[in-house]
N, C-alpha and C. Protein backbone atom coordinates (compact mmCIF):
# COMPACT_ATOMS: atom_id res chain seq x y z
N MET A 1 0.83 -1.30 -0.01
CA MET A 1 -0.04 -0.01 0.07
C MET A 1 0.86 1.21 0.17
N GLN A 2 0.46 2.22 -0.57
CA GLN A 2 1.15 3.61 -0.67
C GLN A 2 0.70 4.63 0.05
N LYS A 3 1.25 5.49 0.64
CA LYS A 3 0.99 6.75 1.15
C LYS A 3 1.57 7.87 0.58
N GLU A 4 0.74 9.07 0.27
CA GLU A 4 1.22 10.12 -0.16
C GLU A 4 1.60 11.09 0.65
N VAL A 5 2.71 11.87 0.36
CA VAL A 5 3.33 12.81 1.03
C VAL A 5 2.79 14.17 0.58
N ILE A 6 2.21 14.74 1.36
CA ILE A 6 1.11 16.02 0.95
C ILE A 6 1.84 17.26 1.89
N ILE A 7 1.97 18.43 1.01
CA ILE A 7 2.43 19.49 1.71
C ILE A 7 1.07 20.22 2.31
N PRO A 8 1.06 20.25 3.64
CA PRO A 8 0.11 20.81 4.47
C PRO A 8 -0.02 22.26 4.28
N ARG A 9 -1.10 22.95 4.51
CA ARG A 9 -1.10 24.28 4.89
C ARG A 9 -0.45 24.73 6.04
N LEU A 10 0.46 25.56 5.93
CA LEU A 10 1.39 26.04 7.22
C LEU A 10 0.97 27.37 7.60
N GLY A 11 0.67 27.60 8.68
CA GLY A 11 0.61 28.91 9.31
C GLY A 11 -0.92 29.39 8.70
N SER A 12 -1.23 30.52 9.04
CA SER A 12 -2.56 31.28 9.07
C SER A 12 -2.57 32.08 7.86
N SER A 13 -1.59 32.42 7.12
CA SER A 13 -1.25 33.19 6.09
C SER A 13 -2.47 32.85 4.93
N ASP A 14 -3.66 33.76 4.47
CA ASP A 14 -4.33 33.27 3.69
C ASP A 14 -3.79 33.87 2.02
N ASP A 15 -2.95 34.67 2.21
CA ASP A 15 -2.28 35.40 0.93
C ASP A 15 -1.22 34.62 0.13
N ASN A 16 -0.87 33.52 0.73
CA ASN A 16 0.35 32.72 0.18
C ASN A 16 -0.41 31.19 -0.01
N ASP A 17 -0.34 30.64 -1.03
CA ASP A 17 -0.77 29.37 -1.21
C ASP A 17 0.09 28.25 -1.77
N GLU A 18 1.52 28.62 -1.56
CA GLU A 18 2.53 27.79 -1.95
C GLU A 18 3.72 27.99 -1.18
N VAL A 19 4.53 26.85 -1.34
CA VAL A 19 5.98 27.06 -0.55
C VAL A 19 7.02 26.42 -1.69
N ARG A 20 8.33 26.75 -1.23
CA ARG A 20 9.34 26.43 -2.19
C ARG A 20 10.19 25.24 -1.48
N ILE A 21 10.51 24.12 -2.18
CA ILE A 21 11.16 23.21 -1.23
C ILE A 21 12.54 23.43 -1.38
N LEU A 22 13.18 23.43 -0.17
CA LEU A 22 14.38 23.87 0.23
C LEU A 22 15.40 22.58 -0.04
N ARG A 23 15.02 21.68 0.53
CA ARG A 23 15.93 20.41 0.25
C ARG A 23 15.31 19.11 0.92
N TRP A 24 15.58 18.00 0.42
CA TRP A 24 15.18 16.88 0.75
C TRP A 24 16.33 16.18 1.71
N LEU A 25 15.74 15.63 2.91
CA LEU A 25 16.49 15.00 4.06
C LEU A 25 16.79 13.52 3.87
N LYS A 26 15.95 13.07 2.82
CA LYS A 26 15.97 11.56 2.53
C LYS A 26 15.93 11.47 1.01
N VAL A 27 16.50 10.33 0.69
CA VAL A 27 16.51 9.95 -0.81
C VAL A 27 15.69 8.71 -1.16
N PRO A 28 15.41 8.45 -2.44
CA PRO A 28 14.32 7.48 -2.67
C PRO A 28 14.99 6.07 -2.48
N GLY A 29 14.47 4.96 -1.78
CA GLY A 29 15.21 3.97 -1.39
C GLY A 29 15.45 3.91 0.21
N THR A 30 15.28 4.98 0.88
CA THR A 30 15.60 5.22 2.14
C THR A 30 14.35 4.70 2.87
N ARG A 31 14.60 4.07 4.14
CA ARG A 31 13.23 3.66 5.22
C ARG A 31 13.12 4.71 5.80
N VAL A 32 11.86 5.21 5.96
CA VAL A 32 11.68 6.23 7.02
C VAL A 32 10.53 5.76 8.13
N LYS A 33 10.66 6.51 9.25
CA LYS A 33 9.77 6.22 10.37
C LYS A 33 8.57 7.37 10.35
N LYS A 34 7.45 6.97 10.56
CA LYS A 34 6.43 8.15 11.01
C LYS A 34 6.94 9.44 11.73
N GLY A 35 6.84 10.56 11.48
CA GLY A 35 7.40 11.95 12.39
C GLY A 35 8.73 12.29 12.02
N GLU A 36 9.43 11.38 11.17
CA GLU A 36 10.86 11.60 10.64
C GLU A 36 10.90 12.66 9.82
N GLY A 37 11.97 13.68 9.67
CA GLY A 37 11.76 14.70 8.95
C GLY A 37 12.01 14.16 7.47
N LEU A 38 11.44 14.62 6.40
CA LEU A 38 11.57 14.23 5.09
C LEU A 38 12.34 15.22 4.17
N LEU A 39 11.53 16.61 4.30
CA LEU A 39 12.07 17.58 3.51
C LEU A 39 11.86 18.89 4.31
N GLU A 40 12.52 19.90 3.94
CA GLU A 40 12.39 21.21 4.44
C GLU A 40 11.80 22.30 3.37
N VAL A 41 10.57 22.81 3.87
CA VAL A 41 10.26 23.84 2.77
C VAL A 41 10.19 25.33 3.47
N GLU A 42 9.92 26.24 2.58
CA GLU A 42 10.03 27.65 2.84
C GLU A 42 8.85 28.31 2.33
N THR A 43 8.15 29.00 3.42
CA THR A 43 6.85 29.96 3.09
C THR A 43 7.34 31.27 2.95
N ASP A 44 6.40 32.18 2.83
CA ASP A 44 7.05 33.60 2.75
C ASP A 44 7.37 34.19 4.17
N LYS A 45 7.07 33.28 5.17
CA LYS A 45 7.81 33.64 6.43
C LYS A 45 8.44 32.79 7.35
N VAL A 46 8.51 31.58 7.06
CA VAL A 46 9.37 30.48 7.98
C VAL A 46 9.76 29.34 7.13
N ASN A 47 10.83 28.60 7.54
CA ASN A 47 11.22 27.51 7.10
C ASN A 47 10.57 26.37 7.89
N VAL A 48 10.03 25.43 7.46
CA VAL A 48 9.41 24.27 8.08
C VAL A 48 9.70 22.93 7.72
N GLU A 49 10.17 21.94 8.58
CA GLU A 49 10.31 20.57 8.03
C GLU A 49 9.03 19.57 8.10
N ILE A 50 8.72 19.05 6.93
CA ILE A 50 7.81 18.13 6.66
C ILE A 50 8.02 16.81 7.05
N GLU A 51 7.33 16.24 7.99
CA GLU A 51 7.40 14.90 8.47
C GLU A 51 6.70 13.72 7.68
N ALA A 52 7.38 12.61 7.95
CA ALA A 52 6.86 11.48 6.98
C ALA A 52 5.62 10.98 7.64
N PRO A 53 4.53 10.89 6.98
CA PRO A 53 3.04 10.49 7.38
C PRO A 53 2.90 9.07 7.89
N ASP A 54 4.06 8.24 7.60
CA ASP A 54 3.85 6.80 8.07
C ASP A 54 5.22 6.18 7.82
N ASP A 55 5.55 5.08 8.30
CA ASP A 55 6.62 4.22 8.34
C ASP A 55 6.54 3.55 6.94
N GLY A 56 7.65 3.36 6.39
CA GLY A 56 7.98 2.58 5.02
C GLY A 56 9.32 3.11 4.40
N LEU A 57 9.04 2.68 3.17
CA LEU A 57 10.25 2.99 2.14
C LEU A 57 9.86 4.23 1.34
N LEU A 58 10.68 5.12 1.26
CA LEU A 58 10.60 6.51 0.28
C LEU A 58 10.76 5.97 -0.91
N GLN A 59 9.61 5.68 -1.59
CA GLN A 59 9.64 5.20 -3.06
C GLN A 59 9.95 6.07 -4.30
N GLU A 60 9.38 7.20 -4.05
CA GLU A 60 9.51 8.39 -5.23
C GLU A 60 9.39 9.79 -4.53
N ILE A 61 10.12 10.63 -5.30
CA ILE A 61 10.08 12.21 -5.08
C ILE A 61 9.65 12.69 -6.21
N LYS A 62 8.64 13.48 -6.32
CA LYS A 62 7.72 14.10 -7.24
C LYS A 62 8.13 15.49 -7.64
N ALA A 63 8.79 16.04 -6.54
CA ALA A 63 8.99 17.57 -6.83
C ALA A 63 10.59 17.77 -6.17
N ARG A 64 11.18 18.61 -6.75
CA ARG A 64 12.82 18.61 -6.46
C ARG A 64 13.05 19.92 -5.65
N ALA A 65 14.41 20.00 -5.29
CA ALA A 65 14.69 20.97 -4.31
C ALA A 65 14.77 22.22 -5.45
N GLY A 66 14.25 23.18 -4.76
CA GLY A 66 13.88 24.54 -5.69
C GLY A 66 12.67 24.71 -6.30
N ASP A 67 11.97 23.69 -6.45
CA ASP A 67 10.66 23.73 -6.85
C ASP A 67 9.58 24.42 -6.10
N THR A 68 8.66 25.20 -6.62
CA THR A 68 7.44 25.71 -5.76
C THR A 68 6.39 24.82 -6.20
N VAL A 69 5.69 24.40 -4.92
CA VAL A 69 4.55 23.70 -5.18
C VAL A 69 3.43 24.35 -4.21
N LYS A 70 2.30 24.06 -4.72
CA LYS A 70 0.95 24.52 -3.74
C LYS A 70 0.69 23.63 -2.69
N PHE A 71 0.07 24.19 -1.54
CA PHE A 71 -0.39 23.43 -0.44
C PHE A 71 -1.44 22.26 -0.99
N ASN A 72 -1.18 21.25 -0.35
CA ASN A 72 -2.02 19.94 -0.65
C ASN A 72 -1.37 19.36 -1.93
N ALA A 73 -0.31 19.61 -2.59
CA ALA A 73 0.35 18.92 -3.63
C ALA A 73 1.13 17.72 -3.05
N VAL A 74 1.14 16.60 -3.81
CA VAL A 74 1.66 15.41 -3.50
C VAL A 74 3.24 15.51 -4.20
N VAL A 75 4.09 15.45 -3.06
CA VAL A 75 5.48 15.59 -3.34
C VAL A 75 6.28 14.11 -3.27
N ALA A 76 5.76 13.35 -2.64
CA ALA A 76 6.39 11.95 -2.58
C ALA A 76 5.46 10.93 -2.37
N ILE A 77 5.93 9.72 -2.52
CA ILE A 77 5.30 8.36 -2.21
C ILE A 77 5.95 7.67 -1.48
N ILE A 78 5.52 7.03 -0.41
CA ILE A 78 6.04 5.97 0.61
C ILE A 78 5.17 4.87 0.55
N GLN A 79 6.26 3.80 0.29
CA GLN A 79 5.51 2.31 0.08
C GLN A 79 5.33 1.87 1.76
N LYS A 80 4.29 1.78 2.15
CA LYS A 80 3.98 1.54 3.62
C LYS A 80 4.54 -0.22 3.96
N ASP A 81 4.99 -0.20 5.02
CA ASP A 81 5.45 -1.57 5.58
C ASP A 81 4.34 -2.66 5.74
């Protein structure tokens, strides 16, 4: 079974609906644990670490460092254990 990694809405700002991916903390093929940091993103106000939503294998990254993505975008896939 697969679990999508989704960019959550961050903060209370309604005037910005996207983030920039600063860097990935894991690479495809890496085992991750729920709550472990996967990537770091930047909003117009803060940098935030996005955590793994579940245990499993980071199967695919869909957005690269430097990309700008909207909130609720799927940025990676985890193959659940």
